[in-house]
Structure formats: structure tokens, C-alpha cells
């Protein structure tokens, strides 16, 4: 009874073009950065064991985080100069409460900035001081800016690609932070609001993370428990889809014609 209300349409995460975009770029990243092997790459989690930092909202926290992330991305932190600037949150007073809105996420200066030329032999990244109060967002922003170095600084790309840069954080083991920070609500006694970080949607982050688990042969990765509720739910659906349709993953239309 009432079966007419149920859809028989097969679940497919994202549309096919987007799925193949991520799959193709995952293979490309594996080709460009072959060591260590994907199954041996470390997945960083928001734990004291991975980030043994005494968080106190300081610039020193950012420097410590950069050193840890550099190690995971095979970068030399001594070749990176960090600048800080004030951009932060915009305050709107409604009389009875205050709303804080994040700076425009389409603006590359919203949380961090990569300068596409070396100065005195060093890469330069800039970080908004506002994110020093939010360790997860700080880590996600650093991961994104250092991914620019891996892609543009190491001459893997000729032109900037922000979606690919976000996706690269997953490849280098930082995807948990960037996915969780993609969209966040916060609610305090006298204020509420939301923040958005990055260029991928939550569904796209979920598919990217599922690809990582799939190619590492992880049906139940322990690290998924560090994902936010929404991201984790979508991740599990994406991974189930990949396992059930294994023959379609990393298969491209031009292969069918050969």
C-alpha cells in the first residue's frame, strides 16, 4: 500500500559529470604525487595525537599546525612564510541579538590567500586572524593554501583550479577538516550565524572522501567517525554506492569505445 509514493529511481550521488571529474582528478593526483602510496598516506583527525597543540588562539598555533600539515604533504615548512591579516566576520546588530556573517566565501581572502610567486626562495600564504579562534577552520584553511603550493608552486598546474585545490586536501589526508568546515552553524547566548569555507558542496566533499576510502579498500574507515553528522551520512551513502557499483568507478566513457 502506498508504494506509489516511493521512488524506484536508483540512488546516484552527484551527477555523472561531477563524479567523473573527481574520479579523474583522483587518478591524476596519484600520478603526480605517487609517494607515499595512497593506502599508506596518513589521514589526520581532530585529535591531540595528530595535532599535539595547546590551542590558545595565537599565531604560534598556526605555525605549529603548518609544520604538522607540511609533514603530511611532503613540504618543507622552512620554505613557507606566513602573513596574517584582519578580514574576519561582519557584525550585524539586530537590536535584540547580534549576527556574525562570514566574509564572502567566493573571495579568496575570506580565510586565507596563496601568493603565486616565491619571494626570497619562500612560498607565501596569508591567514585571516579571525580563524585563529577556530582550530578546525584554521587547519582546513592551511590545508587549502598548502594545496595551492602542491599544485601551482610545484608546477603541476598552469592555472588555478579552486575545486581541485579543495579536492587535493582529501588526497593529502586533511579532508575531514575541510569537509566539516564546508558549512557550520554556531549558536551562542547572544548571537548565532553560520560560516562557509571552501568551494565544494557537502555532497561533493562526501563523494571525494568516499573515493579516498574506496581506493584504499576501507569499507568502514575509523576516520569517518570524525566527520560531522551530515557529511558522515552522505559519505556512507556514497561509499555504499561505490561498493555496489564497483565496475563503474574510475570507468570513463572513452574506455567504452575502445
C-alpha atoms as a PDB file:
ATOM      1  CA  UNK A   1       0.000   0.000   0.000  1.00  0.00           C
ATOM      2  CA  UNK A   2       1.142   3.497  -0.821  1.00  0.00           C
ATOM      3  CA  UNK A   3       4.007   2.096  -2.916  1.00  0.00           C
ATOM      4  CA  UNK A   4       3.198   4.744  -5.493  1.00  0.00           C
ATOM      5  CA  UNK A   5       4.753   7.266  -3.109  1.00  0.00           C
ATOM      6  CA  UNK A   6       8.096   5.509  -3.232  1.00  0.00           C
ATOM      7  CA  UNK A   7      10.641   6.200  -5.907  1.00  0.00           C
ATOM      8  CA  UNK A   8      12.240   3.272  -7.690  1.00  0.00           C
ATOM      9  CA  UNK A   9      14.972   5.506  -9.029  1.00  0.00           C
ATOM     10  CA  UNK A  10      18.423   4.157  -8.297  1.00  0.00           C
ATOM     11  CA  UNK A  11      20.428   6.335  -5.931  1.00  0.00           C
ATOM     12  CA  UNK A  12      23.327   8.121  -7.582  1.00  0.00           C
ATOM     13  CA  UNK A  13      25.497  10.614  -5.700  1.00  0.00           C
ATOM     14  CA  UNK A  14      26.033  13.826  -7.672  1.00  0.00           C
ATOM     15  CA  UNK A  15      25.571  13.794 -11.429  1.00  0.00           C
ATOM     16  CA  UNK A  16      27.751  11.649 -13.635  1.00  0.00           C
ATOM     17  CA  UNK A  17      29.897  14.511 -14.933  1.00  0.00           C
ATOM     18  CA  UNK A  18      30.825  15.567 -11.400  1.00  0.00           C
ATOM     19  CA  UNK A  19      31.517  12.002 -10.305  1.00  0.00           C
ATOM     20  CA  UNK A  20      33.891  11.528 -13.218  1.00  0.00           C
ATOM     21  CA  UNK A  21      35.510  14.904 -12.511  1.00  0.00           C
ATOM     22  CA  UNK A  22      36.508  13.733  -9.051  1.00  0.00           C
ATOM     23  CA  UNK A  23      37.467  10.229 -10.163  1.00  0.00           C
ATOM     24  CA  UNK A  24      39.639  11.513 -12.994  1.00  0.00           C
ATOM     25  CA  UNK A  25      41.358  14.046 -10.756  1.00  0.00           C
ATOM     26  CA  UNK A  26      41.981  11.444  -8.075  1.00  0.00           C
ATOM     27  CA  UNK A  27      43.857   9.322 -10.609  1.00  0.00           C
ATOM     28  CA  UNK A  28      45.732  12.422 -11.759  1.00  0.00           C
ATOM     29  CA  UNK A  29      46.807  13.251  -8.200  1.00  0.00           C
ATOM     30  CA  UNK A  30      48.023   9.686  -7.696  1.00  0.00           C
ATOM     31  CA  UNK A  31      50.092  10.026 -10.858  1.00  0.00           C
ATOM     32  CA  UNK A  32      51.545  13.416  -9.912  1.00  0.00           C
ATOM     33  CA  UNK A  33      52.223  12.509  -6.275  1.00  0.00           C
ATOM     34  CA  UNK A  34      52.988   8.764  -6.292  1.00  0.00           C
ATOM     35  CA  UNK A  35      54.796   8.615  -2.937  1.00  0.00           C
ATOM     36  CA  UNK A  36      53.733   7.526  -0.445  1.00  0.00           C
ATOM     37  CA  UNK A  37      51.191   5.142  -1.932  1.00  0.00           C
ATOM     38  CA  UNK A  38      47.599   6.146  -1.346  1.00  0.00           C
ATOM     39  CA  UNK A  39      46.967   3.283   1.075  1.00  0.00           C
ATOM     40  CA  UNK A  40      49.969   4.381   3.139  1.00  0.00           C
ATOM     41  CA  UNK A  41      49.002   8.034   3.409  1.00  0.00           C
ATOM     42  CA  UNK A  42      48.150   9.276   6.880  1.00  0.00           C
ATOM     43  CA  UNK A  43      44.643  10.599   7.467  1.00  0.00           C
ATOM     44  CA  UNK A  44      44.795  13.415  10.006  1.00  0.00           C
ATOM     45  CA  UNK A  45      41.985  13.701  12.546  1.00  0.00           C
ATOM     46  CA  UNK A  46      40.997  16.382  15.090  1.00  0.00           C
ATOM     47  CA  UNK A  47      42.770  14.598  17.942  1.00  0.00           C
ATOM     48  CA  UNK A  48      45.590  15.503  20.287  1.00  0.00           C
ATOM     49  CA  UNK A  49      47.650  12.652  18.842  1.00  0.00           C
ATOM     50  CA  UNK A  50      47.567  14.169  15.352  1.00  0.00           C
ATOM     51  CA  UNK A  51      47.672  17.815  16.469  1.00  0.00           C
ATOM     52  CA  UNK A  52      49.531  17.998  19.805  1.00  0.00           C
ATOM     53  CA  UNK A  53      48.986  21.747  20.041  1.00  0.00           C
ATOM     54  CA  UNK A  54      47.977  23.786  23.095  1.00  0.00           C
ATOM     55  CA  UNK A  55      45.337  25.893  21.372  1.00  0.00           C
ATOM     56  CA  UNK A  56      45.290  29.488  22.623  1.00  0.00           C
ATOM     57  CA  UNK A  57      44.163  31.446  19.531  1.00  0.00           C
ATOM     58  CA  UNK A  58      47.718  32.543  18.791  1.00  0.00           C
ATOM     59  CA  UNK A  59      49.720  32.921  15.627  1.00  0.00           C
ATOM     60  CA  UNK A  60      52.039  30.323  17.099  1.00  0.00           C
ATOM     61  CA  UNK A  61      49.187  27.807  16.841  1.00  0.00           C
ATOM     62  CA  UNK A  62      49.035  28.458  13.108  1.00  0.00           C
ATOM     63  CA  UNK A  63      52.782  27.937  12.736  1.00  0.00           C
ATOM     64  CA  UNK A  64      52.607  24.666  14.691  1.00  0.00           C
ATOM     65  CA  UNK A  65      49.689  23.463  12.561  1.00  0.00           C
ATOM     66  CA  UNK A  66      51.554  24.371   9.375  1.00  0.00           C
ATOM     67  CA  UNK A  67      54.506  22.221  10.443  1.00  0.00           C
ATOM     68  CA  UNK A  68      52.259  19.200  11.042  1.00  0.00           C
ATOM     69  CA  UNK A  69      50.364  19.630   7.782  1.00  0.00           C
ATOM     70  CA  UNK A  70      53.578  20.208   5.832  1.00  0.00           C
ATOM     71  CA  UNK A  71      54.852  16.855   7.075  1.00  0.00           C
ATOM     72  CA  UNK A  72      51.725  15.168   5.721  1.00  0.00           C
ATOM     73  CA  UNK A  73      52.052  16.954   2.379  1.00  0.00           C
ATOM     74  CA  UNK A  74      55.798  16.486   1.905  1.00  0.00           C
ATOM     75  CA  UNK A  75      56.533  20.207   2.161  1.00  0.00           C
ATOM     76  CA  UNK A  76      59.364  21.968   3.964  1.00  0.00           C
ATOM     77  CA  UNK A  77      57.879  24.451   6.475  1.00  0.00           C
ATOM     78  CA  UNK A  78      61.098  26.453   6.305  1.00  0.00           C
ATOM     79  CA  UNK A  79      60.198  27.320   2.704  1.00  0.00           C
ATOM     80  CA  UNK A  80      56.874  28.859   3.736  1.00  0.00           C
ATOM     81  CA  UNK A  81      56.370  32.397   5.031  1.00  0.00           C
ATOM     82  CA  UNK A  82      53.118  33.188   6.801  1.00  0.00           C
ATOM     83  CA  UNK A  83      51.467  36.605   6.906  1.00  0.00           C
ATOM     84  CA  UNK A  84      48.372  37.478   8.930  1.00  0.00           C
ATOM     85  CA  UNK A  85      45.646  39.989   8.165  1.00  0.00           C
ATOM     86  CA  UNK A  86      42.275  41.062   9.560  1.00  0.00           C
ATOM     87  CA  UNK A  87      39.238  40.253   7.469  1.00  0.00           C
ATOM     88  CA  UNK A  88      37.042  38.148   9.698  1.00  0.00           C
ATOM     89  CA  UNK A  89      33.373  38.249  10.443  1.00  0.00           C
ATOM     90  CA  UNK A  90      30.941  41.018   9.617  1.00  0.00           C
ATOM     91  CA  UNK A  91      28.710  42.048  12.521  1.00  0.00           C
ATOM     92  CA  UNK A  92      25.040  42.941  12.070  1.00  0.00           C
ATOM     93  CA  UNK A  93      23.243  44.313  15.134  1.00  0.00           C
ATOM     94  CA  UNK A  94      19.536  43.457  15.156  1.00  0.00           C
ATOM     95  CA  UNK A  95      18.865  45.200  18.454  1.00  0.00           C
ATOM     96  CA  UNK A  96      17.931  42.117  20.477  1.00  0.00           C
ATOM     97  CA  UNK A  97      20.747  39.982  19.130  1.00  0.00           C
ATOM     98  CA  UNK A  98      23.872  40.116  17.016  1.00  0.00           C
ATOM     99  CA  UNK A  99      24.504  38.099  13.853  1.00  0.00           C
ATOM    100  CA  UNK A 100      28.021  37.471  12.623  1.00  0.00           C
ATOM    101  CA  UNK A 101      28.301  36.653   8.934  1.00  0.00           C
ATOM    102  CA  UNK A 102      31.413  35.177   7.354  1.00  0.00           C
ATOM    103  CA  UNK A 103      33.192  37.214   4.717  1.00  0.00           C
ATOM    104  CA  UNK A 104      32.225  36.358   1.153  1.00  0.00           C
ATOM    105  CA  UNK A 105      33.349  32.724   0.560  1.00  0.00           C
ATOM    106  CA  UNK A 106      33.846  33.473  -3.116  1.00  0.00           C
ATOM    107  CA  UNK A 107      36.507  35.991  -2.132  1.00  0.00           C
ATOM    108  CA  UNK A 108      39.862  34.206  -1.916  1.00  0.00           C
ATOM    109  CA  UNK A 109      40.754  36.455   1.015  1.00  0.00           C
ATOM    110  CA  UNK A 110      37.841  35.112   3.099  1.00  0.00           C
ATOM    111  CA  UNK A 111      40.108  32.951   5.267  1.00  0.00           C
ATOM    112  CA  UNK A 112      43.427  32.517   3.502  1.00  0.00           C
ATOM    113  CA  UNK A 113      45.431  33.523   0.470  1.00  0.00           C
ATOM    114  CA  UNK A 114      48.249  31.953  -1.516  1.00  0.00           C
ATOM    115  CA  UNK A 115      50.683  34.230  -3.339  1.00  0.00           C
ATOM    116  CA  UNK A 116      51.585  32.616  -6.635  1.00  0.00           C
ATOM    117  CA  UNK A 117      55.242  33.639  -6.664  1.00  0.00           C
ATOM    118  CA  UNK A 118      58.154  32.782  -4.426  1.00  0.00           C
ATOM    119  CA  UNK A 119      59.774  35.671  -2.570  1.00  0.00           C
ATOM    120  CA  UNK A 120      63.355  35.185  -1.404  1.00  0.00           C
ATOM    121  CA  UNK A 121      63.001  31.475  -2.056  1.00  0.00           C
ATOM    122  CA  UNK A 122      59.848  31.104   0.033  1.00  0.00           C
ATOM    123  CA  UNK A 123      56.200  30.472  -0.701  1.00  0.00           C
ATOM    124  CA  UNK A 124      53.904  32.990   0.967  1.00  0.00           C
ATOM    125  CA  UNK A 125      50.476  32.306   2.412  1.00  0.00           C
ATOM    126  CA  UNK A 126      48.280  34.754   4.286  1.00  0.00           C
ATOM    127  CA  UNK A 127      45.797  33.813   7.001  1.00  0.00           C
ATOM    128  CA  UNK A 128      42.874  35.745   8.429  1.00  0.00           C
ATOM    129  CA  UNK A 129      43.478  36.212  12.163  1.00  0.00           C
ATOM    130  CA  UNK A 130      39.779  35.594  12.821  1.00  0.00           C
ATOM    131  CA  UNK A 131      40.204  31.861  12.197  1.00  0.00           C
ATOM    132  CA  UNK A 132      42.818  31.550  14.938  1.00  0.00           C
ATOM    133  CA  UNK A 133      39.851  31.167  17.302  1.00  0.00           C
ATOM    134  CA  UNK A 134      38.613  28.119  15.374  1.00  0.00           C
ATOM    135  CA  UNK A 135      41.264  25.374  15.173  1.00  0.00           C
ATOM    136  CA  UNK A 136      39.319  23.208  12.706  1.00  0.00           C
ATOM    137  CA  UNK A 137      38.817  26.125  10.310  1.00  0.00           C
ATOM    138  CA  UNK A 138      42.441  27.140  10.751  1.00  0.00           C
ATOM    139  CA  UNK A 139      43.634  23.646   9.826  1.00  0.00           C
ATOM    140  CA  UNK A 140      41.242  23.490   6.867  1.00  0.00           C
ATOM    141  CA  UNK A 141      42.398  26.867   5.570  1.00  0.00           C
ATOM    142  CA  UNK A 142      46.068  25.959   5.918  1.00  0.00           C
ATOM    143  CA  UNK A 143      45.438  22.665   4.118  1.00  0.00           C
ATOM    144  CA  UNK A 144      43.798  24.541   1.246  1.00  0.00           C
ATOM    145  CA  UNK A 145      46.591  27.100   0.937  1.00  0.00           C
ATOM    146  CA  UNK A 146      49.310  24.439   1.091  1.00  0.00           C
ATOM    147  CA  UNK A 147      47.436  22.515  -1.605  1.00  0.00           C
ATOM    148  CA  UNK A 148      47.918  25.585  -3.792  1.00  0.00           C
ATOM    149  CA  UNK A 149      51.646  25.158  -3.233  1.00  0.00           C
ATOM    150  CA  UNK A 150      51.497  21.488  -4.220  1.00  0.00           C
ATOM    151  CA  UNK A 151      49.567  22.273  -7.411  1.00  0.00           C
ATOM    152  CA  UNK A 152      50.789  25.699  -8.511  1.00  0.00           C
ATOM    153  CA  UNK A 153      54.019  26.108  -6.593  1.00  0.00           C
ATOM    154  CA  UNK A 154      55.315  22.713  -7.695  1.00  0.00           C
ATOM    155  CA  UNK A 155      54.183  23.440 -11.275  1.00  0.00           C
ATOM    156  CA  UNK A 156      51.622  20.652 -11.518  1.00  0.00           C
ATOM    157  CA  UNK A 157      49.065  23.138 -12.867  1.00  0.00           C
ATOM    158  CA  UNK A 158      49.422  26.187 -15.075  1.00  0.00           C
ATOM    159  CA  UNK A 159      46.191  27.808 -13.896  1.00  0.00           C
ATOM    160  CA  UNK A 160      44.412  27.912 -10.564  1.00  0.00           C
ATOM    161  CA  UNK A 161      41.532  25.491 -10.005  1.00  0.00           C
ATOM    162  CA  UNK A 162      39.834  26.075  -6.649  1.00  0.00           C
ATOM    163  CA  UNK A 163      37.666  22.938  -6.772  1.00  0.00           C
ATOM    164  CA  UNK A 164      40.707  20.793  -7.473  1.00  0.00           C
ATOM    165  CA  UNK A 165      42.600  22.586  -4.710  1.00  0.00           C
ATOM    166  CA  UNK A 166      39.870  21.701  -2.214  1.00  0.00           C
ATOM    167  CA  UNK A 167      39.841  18.122  -3.503  1.00  0.00           C
ATOM    168  CA  UNK A 168      43.609  17.922  -3.074  1.00  0.00           C
ATOM    169  CA  UNK A 169      43.194  18.344   0.690  1.00  0.00           C
ATOM    170  CA  UNK A 170      41.380  14.993   0.692  1.00  0.00           C
ATOM    171  CA  UNK A 171      44.216  13.316  -1.197  1.00  0.00           C
ATOM    172  CA  UNK A 172      46.756  14.594   1.337  1.00  0.00           C
ATOM    173  CA  UNK A 173      44.755  13.416   4.342  1.00  0.00           C
ATOM    174  CA  UNK A 174      43.143  16.680   5.502  1.00  0.00           C
ATOM    175  CA  UNK A 175      39.681  16.178   4.029  1.00  0.00           C
ATOM    176  CA  UNK A 176      37.969  15.636   7.374  1.00  0.00           C
ATOM    177  CA  UNK A 177      38.665  19.220   8.398  1.00  0.00           C
ATOM    178  CA  UNK A 178      37.757  20.815   5.082  1.00  0.00           C
ATOM    179  CA  UNK A 179      34.555  18.801   4.712  1.00  0.00           C
ATOM    180  CA  UNK A 180      33.418  19.539   8.262  1.00  0.00           C
ATOM    181  CA  UNK A 181      34.105  23.249   7.810  1.00  0.00           C
ATOM    182  CA  UNK A 182      32.290  23.479   4.480  1.00  0.00           C
ATOM    183  CA  UNK A 183      29.177  24.700   6.279  1.00  0.00           C
ATOM    184  CA  UNK A 184      28.828  25.258  10.022  1.00  0.00           C
ATOM    185  CA  UNK A 185      26.208  26.725  12.317  1.00  0.00           C
ATOM    186  CA  UNK A 186      27.125  28.281  15.627  1.00  0.00           C
ATOM    187  CA  UNK A 187      24.818  29.411  18.411  1.00  0.00           C
ATOM    188  CA  UNK A 188      25.882  31.405  21.466  1.00  0.00           C
ATOM    189  CA  UNK A 189      23.960  33.198  24.202  1.00  0.00           C
ATOM    190  CA  UNK A 190      23.576  36.474  22.312  1.00  0.00           C
ATOM    191  CA  UNK A 191      24.498  35.567  18.772  1.00  0.00           C
ATOM    192  CA  UNK A 192      24.041  32.996  16.079  1.00  0.00           C
ATOM    193  CA  UNK A 193      25.079  32.542  12.500  1.00  0.00           C
ATOM    194  CA  UNK A 194      26.844  30.301  10.031  1.00  0.00           C
ATOM    195  CA  UNK A 195      30.126  30.106   8.220  1.00  0.00           C
ATOM    196  CA  UNK A 196      31.064  28.597   4.886  1.00  0.00           C
ATOM    197  CA  UNK A 197      34.571  27.599   3.939  1.00  0.00           C
ATOM    198  CA  UNK A 198      35.824  26.259   0.639  1.00  0.00           C
ATOM    199  CA  UNK A 199      34.477  25.734  -2.846  1.00  0.00           C
ATOM    200  CA  UNK A 200      32.891  22.270  -2.706  1.00  0.00           C
ATOM    201  CA  UNK A 201      29.386  21.434  -1.511  1.00  0.00           C
ATOM    202  CA  UNK A 202      28.832  18.953   1.306  1.00  0.00           C
ATOM    203  CA  UNK A 203      27.698  16.341  -1.239  1.00  0.00           C
ATOM    204  CA  UNK A 204      30.894  16.849  -3.217  1.00  0.00           C
ATOM    205  CA  UNK A 205      33.036  16.540  -0.095  1.00  0.00           C
ATOM    206  CA  UNK A 206      31.232  13.318   0.777  1.00  0.00           C
ATOM    207  CA  UNK A 207      31.923  11.833  -2.652  1.00  0.00           C
ATOM    208  CA  UNK A 208      35.566  12.902  -2.537  1.00  0.00           C
ATOM    209  CA  UNK A 209      36.066  11.294   0.878  1.00  0.00           C
ATOM    210  CA  UNK A 210      34.252   8.151  -0.238  1.00  0.00           C
ATOM    211  CA  UNK A 211      36.633   7.888  -3.198  1.00  0.00           C
ATOM    212  CA  UNK A 212      39.538   8.035  -0.770  1.00  0.00           C
ATOM    213  CA  UNK A 213      38.086   5.206   1.315  1.00  0.00           C
ATOM    214  CA  UNK A 214      37.130   3.190  -1.774  1.00  0.00           C
ATOM    215  CA  UNK A 215      40.564   3.307  -3.367  1.00  0.00           C
ATOM    216  CA  UNK A 216      42.171   2.444  -0.005  1.00  0.00           C
ATOM    217  CA  UNK A 217      39.814  -0.571   0.298  1.00  0.00           C
ATOM    218  CA  UNK A 218      38.316   0.809   3.515  1.00  0.00           C
ATOM    219  CA  UNK A 219      34.703  -0.304   3.826  1.00  0.00           C
ATOM    220  CA  UNK A 220      34.443   1.027   7.390  1.00  0.00           C
ATOM    221  CA  UNK A 221      37.264   3.519   7.935  1.00  0.00           C
ATOM    222  CA  UNK A 222      37.657   4.550  11.560  1.00  0.00           C
ATOM    223  CA  UNK A 223      38.285   8.130  10.492  1.00  0.00           C
ATOM    224  CA  UNK A 224      34.708   8.514   9.258  1.00  0.00           C
ATOM    225  CA  UNK A 225      33.638   8.903  12.895  1.00  0.00           C
ATOM    226  CA  UNK A 226      35.325  12.312  12.929  1.00  0.00           C
ATOM    227  CA  UNK A 227      33.065  13.599  10.150  1.00  0.00           C
ATOM    228  CA  UNK A 228      30.146  15.849  11.018  1.00  0.00           C
ATOM    229  CA  UNK A 229      26.749  14.157  11.118  1.00  0.00           C
ATOM    230  CA  UNK A 230      25.652  15.425   7.704  1.00  0.00           C
ATOM    231  CA  UNK A 231      28.947  14.736   5.960  1.00  0.00           C
ATOM    232  CA  UNK A 232      29.175  11.267   7.514  1.00  0.00           C
ATOM    233  CA  UNK A 233      25.661  10.335   6.406  1.00  0.00           C
ATOM    234  CA  UNK A 234      26.352  11.423   2.830  1.00  0.00           C
ATOM    235  CA  UNK A 235      29.787   9.781   2.902  1.00  0.00           C
ATOM    236  CA  UNK A 236      28.281   6.425   3.887  1.00  0.00           C
ATOM    237  CA  UNK A 237      25.729   6.613   1.085  1.00  0.00           C
ATOM    238  CA  UNK A 238      28.442   7.483  -1.445  1.00  0.00           C
ATOM    239  CA  UNK A 239      30.715   4.671  -0.289  1.00  0.00           C
ATOM    240  CA  UNK A 240      27.861   2.150  -0.404  1.00  0.00           C
ATOM    241  CA  UNK A 241      27.110   3.285  -3.938  1.00  0.00           C
ATOM    242  CA  UNK A 242      30.748   2.759  -4.943  1.00  0.00           C
ATOM    243  CA  UNK A 243      30.912  -0.698  -3.397  1.00  0.00           C
ATOM    244  CA  UNK A 244      27.651  -1.729  -5.085  1.00  0.00           C
ATOM    245  CA  UNK A 245      28.754  -0.281  -8.443  1.00  0.00           C
ATOM    246  CA  UNK A 246      32.451  -1.060  -8.305  1.00  0.00           C
ATOM    247  CA  UNK A 247      32.711  -1.692 -12.033  1.00  0.00           C
ATOM    248  CA  UNK A 248      31.558   1.865 -12.786  1.00  0.00           C
ATOM    249  CA  UNK A 249      34.044   3.674 -10.561  1.00  0.00           C
ATOM    250  CA  UNK A 250      37.079   5.014 -12.430  1.00  0.00           C
ATOM    251  CA  UNK A 251      35.475   3.940 -15.707  1.00  0.00           C
ATOM    252  CA  UNK A 252      35.221   6.642 -18.332  1.00  0.00           C
ATOM    253  CA  UNK A 253      33.128   6.920 -21.492  1.00  0.00           C
ATOM    254  CA  UNK A 254      36.120   6.880 -23.843  1.00  0.00           C
ATOM    255  CA  UNK A 255      37.114   3.472 -22.441  1.00  0.00           C
ATOM    256  CA  UNK A 256      33.790   2.013 -23.553  1.00  0.00           C
ATOM    257  CA  UNK A 257      34.547   2.951 -27.133  1.00  0.00           C
ATOM    258  CA  UNK A 258      37.917   1.176 -27.197  1.00  0.00           C
END
